[in-house]
Amino acid sequence: MKSRLSSKGQLIIPKAIRHSLALGSGSQFNIKVNNRKIILEPIQKDSPLDFLYGKYAGIDLLGPLETEHQQEIKYDHKLRS
């Protein structure tokens, strides 16, 4: 398979390869050069939390809980009044 280096130095790993190696956003690699060849070795995740790193970036997971908590506080104040 072919891939092209972007002007920012980024390389796209084809989907078939990412899928076969279970690579996703945030995957890390060791990079070596051997006889003018670039070798990318995926770093195996040791912790289940490492697998989740970056997976929910940009998603507000706490917002609904904070809203619910604020409503509970208001409700408690009404009961005490």
N, C-alpha and C. Protein backbone atom coordinates (compact mmCIF):
# COMPACT_ATOMS: atom_id res chain seq x y z
N MET A 1 0.83 -1.17 0.00
CA MET A 1 0.00 0.00 0.00
C MET A 1 0.88 1.24 0.00
N LYS A 2 0.37 2.29 -0.60
CA LYS A 2 1.10 3.55 -0.63
C LYS A 2 0.47 4.54 0.32
N SER A 3 1.30 5.46 0.78
CA SER A 3 0.84 6.57 1.59
C SER A 3 1.73 7.75 1.25
N ARG A 4 1.27 8.94 1.57
CA ARG A 4 2.03 10.13 1.23
C ARG A 4 2.25 10.98 2.47
N LEU A 5 3.41 11.59 2.56
CA LEU A 5 3.75 12.48 3.66
C LEU A 5 3.15 13.85 3.40
N SER A 6 2.45 14.41 4.39
CA SER A 6 1.84 15.73 4.22
C SER A 6 2.89 16.83 4.40
N SER A 7 2.49 18.05 4.10
CA SER A 7 3.40 19.19 4.26
C SER A 7 3.75 19.41 5.73
N LYS A 8 2.94 18.88 6.64
CA LYS A 8 3.21 18.99 8.08
C LYS A 8 4.01 17.80 8.60
N GLY A 9 4.43 16.90 7.73
CA GLY A 9 5.21 15.75 8.14
C GLY A 9 4.37 14.61 8.67
N GLN A 10 3.07 14.63 8.38
CA GLN A 10 2.16 13.59 8.86
C GLN A 10 2.03 12.50 7.80
N LEU A 11 1.94 11.27 8.29
CA LEU A 11 1.79 10.11 7.41
C LEU A 11 0.48 9.42 7.75
N ILE A 12 -0.31 9.12 6.74
CA ILE A 12 -1.57 8.42 6.95
C ILE A 12 -1.31 6.92 6.85
N ILE A 13 -1.73 6.21 7.90
CA ILE A 13 -1.64 4.75 7.88
C ILE A 13 -2.97 4.25 7.31
N PRO A 14 -2.94 3.48 6.22
CA PRO A 14 -4.19 3.04 5.60
C PRO A 14 -5.11 2.31 6.57
N LYS A 15 -6.41 2.47 6.36
CA LYS A 15 -7.43 1.93 7.25
C LYS A 15 -7.28 0.43 7.46
N ALA A 16 -6.98 -0.30 6.42
CA ALA A 16 -6.86 -1.76 6.53
C ALA A 16 -5.76 -2.14 7.52
N ILE A 17 -4.65 -1.40 7.50
CA ILE A 17 -3.55 -1.67 8.42
C ILE A 17 -3.94 -1.26 9.84
N ARG A 18 -4.56 -0.07 9.98
CA ARG A 18 -4.99 0.37 11.31
C ARG A 18 -5.95 -0.64 11.91
N HIS A 19 -6.87 -1.14 11.11
CA HIS A 19 -7.86 -2.10 11.59
C HIS A 19 -7.20 -3.43 11.99
N SER A 20 -6.31 -3.92 11.15
CA SER A 20 -5.69 -5.21 11.43
C SER A 20 -4.80 -5.18 12.67
N LEU A 21 -4.25 -4.01 13.00
CA LEU A 21 -3.39 -3.88 14.18
C LEU A 21 -4.12 -3.25 15.36
N ALA A 22 -5.42 -3.00 15.20
CA ALA A 22 -6.24 -2.37 16.25
C ALA A 22 -5.64 -1.03 16.69
N LEU A 23 -5.25 -0.21 15.72
CA LEU A 23 -4.71 1.11 16.00
C LEU A 23 -5.83 2.13 15.96
N GLY A 24 -5.77 3.07 16.84
CA GLY A 24 -6.78 4.12 16.86
C GLY A 24 -6.16 5.45 17.22
N SER A 25 -7.00 6.45 17.36
CA SER A 25 -6.55 7.77 17.73
C SER A 25 -5.77 7.69 19.03
N GLY A 26 -4.62 8.30 19.06
CA GLY A 26 -3.80 8.28 20.27
C GLY A 26 -2.82 7.12 20.35
N SER A 27 -2.87 6.21 19.37
CA SER A 27 -1.90 5.10 19.37
C SER A 27 -0.48 5.67 19.31
N GLN A 28 0.40 5.05 20.06
CA GLN A 28 1.78 5.51 20.10
C GLN A 28 2.70 4.47 19.45
N PHE A 29 3.84 4.98 18.94
CA PHE A 29 4.77 4.12 18.22
C PHE A 29 6.20 4.39 18.64
N ASN A 30 7.01 3.36 18.59
CA ASN A 30 8.46 3.53 18.62
C ASN A 30 8.87 3.65 17.16
N ILE A 31 9.75 4.59 16.86
CA ILE A 31 10.18 4.82 15.48
C ILE A 31 11.68 4.55 15.40
N LYS A 32 12.06 3.72 14.44
CA LYS A 32 13.47 3.39 14.22
C LYS A 32 13.80 3.60 12.75
N VAL A 33 15.06 3.85 12.48
CA VAL A 33 15.56 3.89 11.11
C VAL A 33 16.59 2.78 10.99
N ASN A 34 16.41 1.90 9.99
CA ASN A 34 17.30 0.77 9.80
C ASN A 34 17.55 0.62 8.30
N ASN A 35 18.78 0.86 7.89
CA ASN A 35 19.14 0.75 6.46
C ASN A 35 18.21 1.59 5.58
N ARG A 36 18.03 2.85 5.97
CA ARG A 36 17.19 3.80 5.24
C ARG A 36 15.72 3.39 5.17
N LYS A 37 15.30 2.54 6.10
CA LYS A 37 13.89 2.16 6.20
C LYS A 37 13.35 2.69 7.53
N ILE A 38 12.15 3.22 7.50
CA ILE A 38 11.50 3.70 8.72
C ILE A 38 10.65 2.57 9.26
N ILE A 39 10.86 2.23 10.52
CA ILE A 39 10.12 1.14 11.15
C ILE A 39 9.26 1.73 12.26
N LEU A 40 7.96 1.54 12.15
CA LEU A 40 7.01 1.99 13.18
C LEU A 40 6.55 0.76 13.95
N GLU A 41 6.79 0.75 15.25
CA GLU A 41 6.33 -0.36 16.08
C GLU A 41 5.30 0.17 17.07
N PRO A 42 4.05 -0.31 16.97
CA PRO A 42 3.05 0.15 17.94
C PRO A 42 3.47 -0.23 19.35
N ILE A 43 3.26 0.71 20.27
CA ILE A 43 3.53 0.45 21.69
C ILE A 43 2.28 -0.17 22.28
N GLN A 44 2.45 -1.33 22.86
CA GLN A 44 1.31 -2.03 23.45
C GLN A 44 0.88 -1.32 24.72
N LYS A 45 -0.41 -1.16 24.87
CA LYS A 45 -0.96 -0.51 26.05
C LYS A 45 -0.95 -1.49 27.22
N ASP A 46 -0.47 -1.04 28.36
CA ASP A 46 -0.41 -1.89 29.54
C ASP A 46 -1.68 -1.79 30.38
N SER A 47 -2.35 -0.67 30.30
CA SER A 47 -3.50 -0.41 31.15
C SER A 47 -4.74 -0.20 30.29
N PRO A 48 -5.90 -0.66 30.76
CA PRO A 48 -7.13 -0.38 30.02
C PRO A 48 -7.38 1.12 29.90
N LEU A 49 -6.88 1.90 30.85
CA LEU A 49 -7.04 3.35 30.77
C LEU A 49 -6.23 3.93 29.63
N ASP A 50 -5.07 3.34 29.34
CA ASP A 50 -4.27 3.80 28.21
C ASP A 50 -5.06 3.67 26.91
N PHE A 51 -5.84 2.62 26.79
CA PHE A 51 -6.65 2.40 25.59
C PHE A 51 -7.68 3.51 25.41
N LEU A 52 -8.17 4.04 26.52
CA LEU A 52 -9.21 5.08 26.46
C LEU A 52 -8.65 6.48 26.27
N TYR A 53 -7.33 6.64 26.43
CA TYR A 53 -6.73 7.97 26.34
C TYR A 53 -7.07 8.64 25.01
N GLY A 54 -7.70 9.80 25.10
CA GLY A 54 -8.04 10.57 23.91
C GLY A 54 -9.31 10.14 23.22
N LYS A 55 -9.89 9.02 23.61
CA LYS A 55 -11.06 8.48 22.91
C LYS A 55 -12.27 9.40 23.04
N TYR A 56 -12.41 10.09 24.16
CA TYR A 56 -13.57 10.94 24.39
C TYR A 56 -13.20 12.42 24.41
N ALA A 57 -12.12 12.77 23.75
CA ALA A 57 -11.71 14.17 23.68
C ALA A 57 -12.80 14.98 23.01
N GLY A 58 -13.11 16.12 23.59
CA GLY A 58 -14.12 17.00 23.01
C GLY A 58 -15.55 16.66 23.39
N ILE A 59 -15.73 15.60 24.17
CA ILE A 59 -17.07 15.20 24.60
C ILE A 59 -17.23 15.59 26.06
N ASP A 60 -18.31 16.32 26.37
CA ASP A 60 -18.55 16.77 27.74
C ASP A 60 -19.25 15.66 28.51
N LEU A 61 -18.48 14.85 29.22
CA LEU A 61 -19.04 13.75 29.99
C LEU A 61 -19.60 14.19 31.34
N LEU A 62 -19.07 15.29 31.88
CA LEU A 62 -19.48 15.72 33.21
C LEU A 62 -20.60 16.75 33.20
N GLY A 63 -20.82 17.41 32.08
CA GLY A 63 -21.83 18.46 32.00
C GLY A 63 -23.20 18.04 32.52
N PRO A 64 -23.77 16.95 32.02
CA PRO A 64 -25.08 16.52 32.50
C PRO A 64 -25.08 16.20 34.00
N LEU A 65 -24.00 15.62 34.51
CA LEU A 65 -23.91 15.32 35.94
C LEU A 65 -23.86 16.60 36.77
N GLU A 66 -23.11 17.60 36.28
CA GLU A 66 -23.03 18.87 37.00
C GLU A 66 -24.40 19.56 37.03
N THR A 67 -25.11 19.53 35.91
CA THR A 67 -26.45 20.12 35.85
C THR A 67 -27.38 19.43 36.83
N GLU A 68 -27.34 18.12 36.85
CA GLU A 68 -28.18 17.35 37.77
C GLU A 68 -27.85 17.69 39.22
N HIS A 69 -26.57 17.81 39.51
CA HIS A 69 -26.14 18.14 40.87
C HIS A 69 -26.65 19.53 41.28
N GLN A 70 -26.55 20.50 40.38
CA GLN A 70 -27.04 21.84 40.67
C GLN A 70 -28.54 21.82 40.93
N GLN A 71 -29.29 21.02 40.17
CA GLN A 71 -30.74 20.90 40.38
C GLN A 71 -31.03 20.28 41.75
N GLU A 72 -30.24 19.30 42.16
CA GLU A 72 -30.41 18.68 43.48
C GLU A 72 -30.16 19.69 44.59
N ILE A 73 -29.14 20.52 44.42
CA ILE A 73 -28.83 21.55 45.42
C ILE A 73 -30.00 22.53 45.55
N LYS A 74 -30.54 22.98 44.41
CA LYS A 74 -31.68 23.90 44.43
C LYS A 74 -32.89 23.24 45.11
N TYR A 75 -33.12 21.99 44.81
CA TYR A 75 -34.24 21.26 45.39
C TYR A 75 -34.07 21.15 46.92
N ASP A 76 -32.86 20.84 47.36
CA ASP A 76 -32.57 20.75 48.78
C ASP A 76 -32.80 22.08 49.49
N HIS A 77 -32.42 23.20 48.85
CA HIS A 77 -32.62 24.52 49.43
C HIS A 77 -34.11 24.84 49.57
N LYS A 78 -34.90 24.42 48.57
CA LYS A 78 -36.34 24.65 48.63
C LYS A 78 -36.97 23.87 49.78
N LEU A 79 -36.51 22.65 50.00
CA LEU A 79 -37.04 21.83 51.09
C LEU A 79 -36.73 22.44 52.45
N ARG A 80 -35.56 23.06 52.57
CA ARG A 80 -35.14 23.63 53.84
C ARG A 80 -35.79 24.98 54.11
N SER A 81 -36.30 25.63 53.07
CA SER A 81 -36.90 26.96 53.24
C SER A 81 -38.32 26.88 53.75
